[in-house]
């Protein structure tokens, strides 16, 4: 009887433990969104927090322009360089895709064209930039595919720089997140994709300054009901076959995220954008349940001292810091948890060393992600002069010897004087 009660009691404990484990597991993964394909990553590391059919081939529509902008910024050094709008760039854009913003023969800076591309989503601007970079849309598409392969994209094929529908123009949520992560490293790209409005200047073909470009990204527009206070922009897209697409960025408490939403229906029953709501739902899940554990901060001493060969006595113990902040996103209950790093110093560390010199690395492994920073010298280390030290040593010995001889002579004189007095 007692044995049966014990078994029943243990069964209840196991059941309760499994129940709570399942709740914890669901909190990590059970986010329901309406879009058929999506991914959520950390912008800095590419760490994945959420996936839904991330490798399913999808039509990207105008989110294609993230890759277009990335290639332009990599291949043009001077953003004030001018490009000319060709007849082909304008009139090969199908009816329904054209914005009628750019004029044939018009000369605009690369910067202006990038704003037209990423803020208003001009398909003509995409063609102009492609022709300016590589001579034609077709050759630019070849560059786009080469870059996608270089970045590690495995299910992407571009045939144009703007996302105008083509059966052979496709990507995946995962690949698009990889491309966007790379693009967001560029400060010019970051600035443009966070812009709500931009006015094109007067040009050789258009004297007025009434061409105001308004963003297609509702998440960064404070006047729109889909506005999200932590949004930092990026790119929208829409075609009938692709449906509603969105690459969105957000930053709160130094946690920067990138969400890719593909194939979304337009609006929910309350009139809100499904793609925007899905992105916000993913962002909020992380911001509500995760924090950043700052395991190392730039300019703060992380190693108290290392011994430096050949250094002066005053500088031989050298403190080290890291060259950048290292923050690891963890669940809220682990925000202050101690996370140890692995230190690897250079093989031979000897004086002299200038302040700021890299002397090794520190690596933190968390999950599948490796966080690494350089270890740098906090101050200068002076080289000890061996010859000078020897001379100083000899001088010290000589001084001691002289003192010894002097004292000895004084003592001898004292002894002689005492001996004379007692004679």
Protein backbone atom coordinates (compact mmCIF):
# COMPACT_ATOMS: atom_id res chain seq x y z
CA UNK A 1 0.00 0.00 0.00
CA UNK A 2 2.78 2.40 0.97
CA UNK A 3 4.67 1.39 -2.14
CA UNK A 4 1.69 2.23 -4.38
CA UNK A 5 1.31 5.64 -2.71
CA UNK A 6 5.02 6.33 -3.28
CA UNK A 7 4.75 5.40 -6.97
CA UNK A 8 1.68 7.61 -7.36
CA UNK A 9 3.45 10.49 -5.63
CA UNK A 10 6.53 10.17 -7.85
CA UNK A 11 4.32 9.98 -10.95
CA UNK A 12 2.64 13.25 -9.99
CA UNK A 13 6.02 14.94 -9.45
CA UNK A 14 7.32 13.75 -12.83
CA UNK A 15 4.11 14.90 -14.55
CA UNK A 16 4.31 18.36 -12.96
CA UNK A 17 7.99 18.67 -13.89
CA UNK A 18 7.26 17.71 -17.50
CA UNK A 19 4.38 20.18 -17.58
CA UNK A 20 6.54 23.09 -16.49
CA UNK A 21 9.34 22.06 -18.83
CA UNK A 22 6.88 22.13 -21.69
CA UNK A 23 5.71 25.59 -20.68
CA UNK A 24 9.30 26.84 -20.68
CA UNK A 25 9.91 25.27 -24.07
CA UNK A 26 6.74 26.81 -25.51
CA UNK A 27 7.79 30.24 -24.26
CA UNK A 28 10.92 29.91 -26.37
CA UNK A 29 9.28 28.79 -29.62
CA UNK A 30 5.51 29.09 -29.65
CA UNK A 31 4.98 32.39 -31.49
CA UNK A 32 2.11 32.36 -33.92
CA UNK A 33 2.27 34.65 -36.94
CA UNK A 34 0.04 34.87 -39.99
CA UNK A 35 2.71 35.01 -42.69
CA UNK A 36 3.77 31.75 -44.37
CA UNK A 37 7.52 32.36 -44.21
CA UNK A 38 9.60 34.32 -41.69
CA UNK A 39 12.81 34.50 -39.73
CA UNK A 40 14.05 36.61 -36.82
CA UNK A 41 17.76 37.10 -36.21
CA UNK A 42 20.12 39.17 -34.10
CA UNK A 43 21.59 41.81 -36.42
CA UNK A 44 25.15 41.59 -35.09
CA UNK A 45 25.71 37.85 -34.98
CA UNK A 46 23.00 36.31 -37.16
CA UNK A 47 21.76 34.28 -34.19
CA UNK A 48 18.33 32.89 -35.03
CA UNK A 49 15.47 33.38 -32.58
CA UNK A 50 12.55 32.31 -34.73
CA UNK A 51 11.95 30.43 -37.99
CA UNK A 52 8.89 29.59 -40.02
CA UNK A 53 9.57 27.91 -43.36
CA UNK A 54 12.81 29.93 -43.62
CA UNK A 55 14.16 27.97 -46.59
CA UNK A 56 11.04 27.96 -48.72
CA UNK A 57 11.62 29.72 -52.03
CA UNK A 58 9.55 32.92 -52.14
CA UNK A 59 9.21 35.93 -54.41
CA UNK A 60 10.88 38.91 -52.67
CA UNK A 61 9.30 41.78 -54.64
CA UNK A 62 11.00 45.10 -53.74
CA UNK A 63 12.93 43.68 -50.78
CA UNK A 64 15.29 42.75 -53.64
CA UNK A 65 16.50 46.35 -53.43
CA UNK A 66 18.42 45.58 -50.24
CA UNK A 67 20.89 43.62 -52.38
CA UNK A 68 20.87 46.33 -55.06
CA UNK A 69 21.79 49.00 -52.51
CA UNK A 70 24.46 46.78 -50.95
CA UNK A 71 26.22 46.32 -54.31
CA UNK A 72 25.97 50.02 -55.16
CA UNK A 73 27.52 51.03 -51.84
CA UNK A 74 30.30 48.49 -52.29
CA UNK A 75 31.13 49.69 -55.80
CA UNK A 76 30.72 53.48 -55.55
CA UNK A 77 33.05 55.46 -53.32
CA UNK A 78 31.70 58.95 -54.04
CA UNK A 79 27.95 59.19 -53.47
CA UNK A 80 27.95 62.58 -55.23
CA UNK A 81 28.95 60.87 -58.44
CA UNK A 82 26.23 61.34 -61.04
CA UNK A 83 24.33 58.80 -63.13
CA UNK A 84 22.13 59.49 -66.13
CA UNK A 85 18.60 58.11 -66.42
CA UNK A 86 18.37 56.14 -69.67
CA UNK A 87 15.31 55.58 -71.81
CA UNK A 88 15.61 51.83 -71.18
CA UNK A 89 15.82 52.28 -67.41
CA UNK A 90 12.45 54.05 -67.43
CA UNK A 91 10.47 52.40 -70.19
CA UNK A 92 11.33 48.75 -69.48
CA UNK A 93 9.46 49.09 -66.18
CA UNK A 94 6.03 47.51 -66.80
CA UNK A 95 2.83 49.47 -66.39
CA UNK A 96 1.74 49.29 -62.76
CA UNK A 97 5.34 49.18 -61.49
CA UNK A 98 6.35 52.67 -62.62
CA UNK A 99 6.46 55.63 -60.20
CA UNK A 100 6.97 58.26 -62.94
CA UNK A 101 9.53 59.99 -60.71
CA UNK A 102 12.68 60.04 -62.86
CA UNK A 103 13.02 61.71 -66.27
CA UNK A 104 14.93 60.36 -69.27
CA UNK A 105 18.27 62.15 -69.59
CA UNK A 106 18.12 63.38 -66.01
CA UNK A 107 21.36 63.43 -64.04
CA UNK A 108 21.13 62.53 -60.36
CA UNK A 109 23.70 61.70 -57.72
CA UNK A 110 24.09 58.13 -56.57
CA UNK A 111 22.91 59.29 -53.16
CA UNK A 112 19.66 60.71 -54.58
CA UNK A 113 19.06 57.51 -56.52
CA UNK A 114 19.61 55.42 -53.39
CA UNK A 115 16.98 57.46 -51.55
CA UNK A 116 14.58 56.96 -54.47
CA UNK A 117 15.40 53.24 -54.42
CA UNK A 118 15.01 52.59 -50.70
CA UNK A 119 12.55 55.22 -49.47
CA UNK A 120 10.01 55.41 -52.28
CA UNK A 121 11.01 52.05 -53.81
CA UNK A 122 11.61 53.38 -57.32
CA UNK A 123 12.02 50.59 -59.86
CA UNK A 124 13.45 53.08 -62.35
CA UNK A 125 16.14 54.09 -59.85
CA UNK A 126 17.11 50.44 -59.47
CA UNK A 127 17.59 50.15 -63.24
CA UNK A 128 19.62 53.37 -63.43
CA UNK A 129 21.92 52.23 -60.65
CA UNK A 130 22.33 48.78 -62.19
CA UNK A 131 23.25 50.25 -65.58
CA UNK A 132 25.65 52.72 -63.97
CA UNK A 133 27.45 50.02 -62.00
CA UNK A 134 27.71 47.24 -64.57
CA UNK A 135 26.42 48.51 -67.89
CA UNK A 136 23.14 46.62 -67.96
CA UNK A 137 20.44 45.13 -65.76
CA UNK A 138 21.44 41.63 -66.88
CA UNK A 139 25.09 41.96 -65.91
CA UNK A 140 24.10 43.57 -62.61
CA UNK A 141 21.88 40.57 -61.86
CA UNK A 142 24.95 38.38 -62.37
CA UNK A 143 26.76 40.50 -59.78
CA UNK A 144 23.81 40.14 -57.42
CA UNK A 145 23.91 36.35 -57.65
CA UNK A 146 27.67 36.25 -57.19
CA UNK A 147 27.34 38.37 -54.05
CA UNK A 148 24.53 36.18 -52.73
CA UNK A 149 26.74 33.11 -53.15
CA UNK A 150 29.65 34.89 -51.48
CA UNK A 151 27.48 35.69 -48.45
CA UNK A 152 26.37 32.06 -48.12
CA UNK A 153 22.90 32.27 -49.67
CA UNK A 154 21.86 28.87 -51.03
CA UNK A 155 18.34 29.34 -52.39
CA UNK A 156 18.46 32.71 -54.13
CA UNK A 157 18.40 33.76 -57.78
CA UNK A 158 18.02 37.34 -58.98
CA UNK A 159 17.18 38.38 -62.54
CA UNK A 160 16.67 42.12 -61.95
CA UNK A 161 17.63 44.81 -59.40
CA UNK A 162 14.11 45.84 -58.39
CA UNK A 163 12.00 42.75 -57.72
CA UNK A 164 9.64 43.11 -60.68
CA UNK A 165 8.03 39.69 -60.85
CA UNK A 166 9.79 36.91 -62.68
CA UNK A 167 9.36 33.17 -62.10
CA UNK A 168 13.14 32.80 -61.82
CA UNK A 169 13.56 35.67 -59.38
CA UNK A 170 13.34 34.24 -55.87
CA UNK A 171 14.95 34.01 -52.46
CA UNK A 172 14.17 32.75 -48.94
CA UNK A 173 13.62 34.38 -45.60
CA UNK A 174 16.95 32.98 -44.40
CA UNK A 175 18.92 34.21 -47.41
CA UNK A 176 17.29 37.64 -47.27
CA UNK A 177 18.21 37.96 -43.59
CA UNK A 178 21.85 37.18 -44.47
CA UNK A 179 21.86 39.86 -47.18
CA UNK A 180 20.25 42.41 -44.89
CA UNK A 181 22.64 41.67 -42.04
CA UNK A 182 25.51 42.50 -44.38
CA UNK A 183 23.83 45.66 -45.71
CA UNK A 184 23.16 46.96 -42.20
CA UNK A 185 26.91 47.12 -41.57
CA UNK A 186 27.00 50.11 -43.89
CA UNK A 187 26.16 53.42 -42.14
CA UNK A 188 24.83 55.01 -45.34
CA UNK A 189 22.42 52.14 -45.88
CA UNK A 190 21.28 52.37 -42.26
CA UNK A 191 20.67 56.09 -42.59
CA UNK A 192 18.67 55.86 -45.81
CA UNK A 193 16.43 52.94 -44.77
CA UNK A 194 15.44 54.81 -41.62
CA UNK A 195 14.37 57.91 -43.57
CA UNK A 196 10.67 58.79 -43.57
CA UNK A 197 10.79 61.41 -46.34
CA UNK A 198 13.32 62.80 -48.79
CA UNK A 199 13.11 65.58 -51.37
CA UNK A 200 14.84 65.13 -54.70
CA UNK A 201 16.75 68.27 -55.77
CA UNK A 202 16.24 70.14 -59.02
CA UNK A 203 18.19 68.69 -61.94
CA UNK A 204 19.03 69.35 -65.55
CA UNK A 205 15.64 67.89 -66.56
CA UNK A 206 13.45 68.95 -63.64
CA UNK A 207 13.74 72.39 -62.09
CA UNK A 208 11.18 72.03 -59.32
CA UNK A 209 11.86 70.62 -55.86
CA UNK A 210 8.41 69.12 -55.36
CA UNK A 211 9.38 65.47 -55.71
CA UNK A 212 9.01 64.42 -52.10
CA UNK A 213 9.66 60.73 -51.52
CA UNK A 214 7.72 59.19 -48.63
CA UNK A 215 8.68 55.87 -47.10
CA UNK A 216 6.69 52.75 -47.88
CA UNK A 217 7.65 51.39 -44.44
CA UNK A 218 4.78 52.12 -42.05
CA UNK A 219 6.75 50.90 -39.05
CA UNK A 220 8.95 54.03 -39.05
CA UNK A 221 6.19 56.51 -39.86
CA UNK A 222 4.86 58.07 -36.65
CA UNK A 223 1.71 59.19 -38.44
CA UNK A 224 0.79 55.64 -39.45
CA UNK A 225 -1.28 53.35 -37.22
CA UNK A 226 1.23 50.54 -37.84
CA UNK A 227 4.09 52.62 -36.37
CA UNK A 228 6.52 50.81 -34.07
CA UNK A 229 8.62 52.92 -31.72
CA UNK A 230 11.69 50.66 -31.85
CA UNK A 231 11.73 50.29 -35.65
CA UNK A 232 14.88 51.40 -37.47
CA UNK A 233 13.61 50.83 -41.00
CA UNK A 234 14.80 48.72 -43.94
CA UNK A 235 12.52 47.67 -46.83
CA UNK A 236 9.02 46.66 -47.90
CA UNK A 237 7.88 44.85 -51.01
CA UNK A 238 4.69 43.93 -52.83
CA UNK A 239 3.60 42.24 -56.04
CA UNK A 240 0.49 40.16 -56.59
CA UNK A 241 2.44 36.85 -56.75
CA UNK A 242 4.80 37.78 -53.88
CA UNK A 243 2.06 39.33 -51.74
CA UNK A 244 3.27 41.55 -48.89
CA UNK A 245 6.93 41.31 -47.95
CA UNK A 246 8.92 43.09 -45.28
CA UNK A 247 12.46 43.23 -44.02
CA UNK A 248 12.29 45.13 -40.75
CA UNK A 249 14.88 46.24 -38.22
CA UNK A 250 14.35 47.17 -34.57
CA UNK A 251 16.57 48.22 -31.69
CA UNK A 252 15.71 48.38 -28.00
CA UNK A 253 18.15 48.36 -25.08
CA UNK A 254 21.01 47.68 -27.51
CA UNK A 255 19.31 44.54 -28.82
CA UNK A 256 19.15 44.94 -32.58
CA UNK A 257 17.01 42.52 -34.54
CA UNK A 258 16.15 41.83 -38.17
CA UNK A 259 12.84 40.23 -39.13
CA UNK A 260 12.04 38.96 -42.61
CA UNK A 261 8.37 38.42 -43.45
CA UNK A 262 7.43 36.96 -46.85
CA UNK A 263 4.14 36.15 -48.56
CA UNK A 264 1.85 37.90 -46.07
CA UNK A 265 -1.77 38.72 -46.76
CA UNK A 266 -2.55 42.43 -46.72
CA UNK A 267 -4.60 43.27 -43.61
CA UNK A 268 -6.22 41.62 -40.64
CA UNK A 269 -9.88 42.04 -39.65
CA UNK A 270 -9.06 45.30 -37.85
CA UNK A 271 -7.37 46.85 -40.86
CA UNK A 272 -3.82 46.46 -39.57
CA UNK A 273 -0.98 45.27 -41.77
CA UNK A 274 -0.31 41.57 -41.21
CA UNK A 275 3.35 41.82 -42.21
CA UNK A 276 3.87 44.74 -39.79
CA UNK A 277 2.02 42.99 -36.97
CA UNK A 278 4.00 39.81 -37.49
CA UNK A 279 7.27 41.73 -37.30
CA UNK A 280 6.17 43.56 -34.14
CA UNK A 281 5.04 40.31 -32.54
CA UNK A 282 8.46 38.77 -33.15
CA UNK A 283 10.31 41.84 -31.90
CA UNK A 284 8.18 42.17 -28.78
CA UNK A 285 8.67 38.52 -27.84
CA UNK A 286 12.41 39.07 -27.64
CA UNK A 287 12.20 42.48 -25.96
CA UNK A 288 9.76 41.15 -23.34
CA UNK A 289 11.65 37.96 -22.52
CA UNK A 290 15.32 38.65 -23.19
CA UNK A 291 18.02 41.03 -22.01
CA UNK A 292 21.58 41.76 -22.99
CA UNK A 293 24.25 40.44 -20.66
CA UNK A 294 27.25 42.75 -21.14
CA UNK A 295 30.06 40.29 -20.50
CA UNK A 296 32.74 42.78 -21.56
CA UNK A 297 32.86 46.51 -22.16
CA UNK A 298 35.35 48.48 -24.21
CA UNK A 299 37.82 50.52 -22.14
CA UNK A 300 37.07 48.56 -18.97
CA UNK A 301 39.92 46.41 -17.64
CA UNK A 302 39.10 42.76 -18.24
CA UNK A 303 42.49 41.26 -17.27
CA UNK A 304 44.24 42.94 -14.34
CA UNK A 305 47.77 42.34 -15.56
CA UNK A 306 50.03 40.21 -17.68
CA UNK A 307 53.77 40.08 -17.25
CA UNK A 308 55.73 41.64 -20.08
CA UNK A 309 59.24 40.46 -20.86
CA UNK A 310 61.96 43.07 -20.97
CA UNK A 311 59.80 45.79 -19.44
CA UNK A 312 60.78 48.33 -16.87
CA UNK A 313 59.86 47.62 -13.29
CA UNK A 314 57.13 50.27 -13.34
CA UNK A 315 55.40 49.01 -16.52
CA UNK A 316 55.99 45.24 -16.58
CA UNK A 317 52.52 44.44 -15.19
CA UNK A 318 50.14 45.38 -18.01
CA UNK A 319 46.31 45.46 -17.75
CA UNK A 320 44.21 44.55 -20.82
CA UNK A 321 40.81 45.63 -22.06
CA UNK A 322 38.70 44.72 -25.11
CA UNK A 323 38.33 46.77 -28.29
CA UNK A 324 34.53 46.59 -28.32
CA UNK A 325 31.51 45.82 -26.19
CA UNK A 326 30.43 42.19 -26.06
CA UNK A 327 26.79 41.67 -25.19
CA UNK A 328 25.06 38.31 -25.27
CA UNK A 329 21.28 38.12 -25.51
CA UNK A 330 19.97 35.87 -22.74
CA UNK A 331 16.65 35.19 -21.09
CA UNK A 332 15.81 37.77 -18.42
CA UNK A 333 16.65 35.42 -15.55
CA UNK A 334 20.25 35.17 -16.83
CA UNK A 335 20.83 38.88 -17.40
CA UNK A 336 23.46 39.08 -14.64
CA UNK A 337 24.83 35.57 -14.93
CA UNK A 338 28.63 35.29 -15.07
CA UNK A 339 29.77 34.06 -18.48
CA UNK A 340 33.45 33.11 -18.69
CA UNK A 341 35.55 33.81 -21.74
CA UNK A 342 38.56 31.97 -23.16
CA UNK A 343 41.71 34.09 -23.35
CA UNK A 344 44.35 33.50 -26.01
CA UNK A 345 47.42 35.72 -25.80
CA UNK A 346 50.04 36.24 -28.49
CA UNK A 347 52.96 33.83 -28.23
CA UNK A 348 55.60 36.39 -27.30
CA UNK A 349 54.70 39.56 -25.46
CA UNK A 350 57.69 41.76 -24.82
CA UNK A 351 58.48 45.42 -24.40
CA UNK A 352 58.16 47.98 -25.80
CA UNK A 353 54.35 47.99 -26.25
CA UNK A 354 52.27 50.98 -27.30
CA UNK A 355 48.93 51.68 -25.69
CA UNK A 356 46.14 50.15 -27.80
CA UNK A 357 48.27 47.33 -29.22
CA UNK A 358 46.39 44.06 -29.79
CA UNK A 359 47.94 41.33 -27.65
CA UNK A 360 45.43 38.50 -28.04
CA UNK A 361 41.74 37.66 -28.08
CA UNK A 362 38.97 36.68 -25.71
CA UNK A 363 36.17 34.41 -26.90
CA UNK A 364 32.77 33.76 -25.35
CA UNK A 365 30.78 30.78 -26.62
CA UNK A 366 27.04 30.88 -26.05
CA UNK A 367 24.83 28.39 -27.81
CA UNK A 368 26.06 28.10 -31.37
CA UNK A 369 27.43 31.64 -31.48
CA UNK A 370 31.03 32.70 -30.90
CA UNK A 371 31.59 36.21 -29.57
CA UNK A 372 35.17 37.40 -29.96
CA UNK A 373 37.04 40.62 -29.22
CA UNK A 374 40.66 41.72 -29.32
CA UNK A 375 42.57 42.22 -26.09
CA UNK A 376 44.44 45.51 -26.14
CA UNK A 377 47.05 47.18 -23.96
CA UNK A 378 45.64 49.75 -21.54
CA UNK A 379 48.92 51.72 -21.36
CA UNK A 380 52.41 51.96 -22.80
CA UNK A 381 55.08 49.50 -21.72
CA UNK A 382 58.65 50.78 -21.76
CA UNK A 383 61.60 48.62 -22.68
CA UNK A 384 64.14 47.98 -19.99
CA UNK A 385 67.71 49.06 -21.05
CA UNK A 386 69.97 46.12 -20.11
CA UNK A 387 73.25 48.01 -20.56
CA UNK A 388 71.97 50.93 -18.56
CA UNK A 389 70.73 48.55 -15.87
CA UNK A 390 74.16 46.89 -15.75
CA UNK A 391 75.89 50.25 -15.48
CA UNK A 392 73.44 51.25 -12.76
CA UNK A 393 74.22 47.99 -10.95
CA UNK A 394 77.96 48.51 -11.26
CA UNK A 395 77.56 52.07 -10.08
CA UNK A 396 75.59 50.86 -7.08
CA UNK A 397 78.31 48.30 -6.29
CA UNK A 398 81.01 50.95 -6.65
CA UNK A 399 79.12 53.30 -4.35
CA UNK A 400 78.69 50.51 -1.80
CA UNK A 401 82.37 49.66 -2.12
CA UNK A 402 83.38 53.28 -1.58
CA UNK A 403 81.11 53.48 1.44
CA UNK A 404 82.61 50.24 2.74
CA UNK A 405 86.19 51.52 2.29
CA UNK A 406 85.34 54.85 3.88
CA UNK A 407 83.68 53.20 6.88
CA UNK A 408 86.58 50.77 7.21
CA UNK A 409 89.11 53.63 7.23
CA UNK A 410 87.11 55.53 9.82
CA UNK A 411 86.96 52.43 12.00
CA UNK A 412 90.71 51.84 11.68
CA UNK A 413 91.43 55.41 12.70
CA UNK A 414 89.13 55.04 15.70
CA UNK A 415 90.89 51.84 16.76
CA UNK A 416 94.32 53.46 16.42
CA UNK A 417 93.21 56.44 18.45
CA UNK A 418 91.84 54.24 21.25
CA UNK A 419 95.04 52.15 21.27
CA UNK A 420 97.19 55.33 21.50
CA UNK A 421 95.14 56.60 24.46
CA UNK A 422 95.74 53.45 26.51
CA UNK A 423 99.49 53.33 25.98
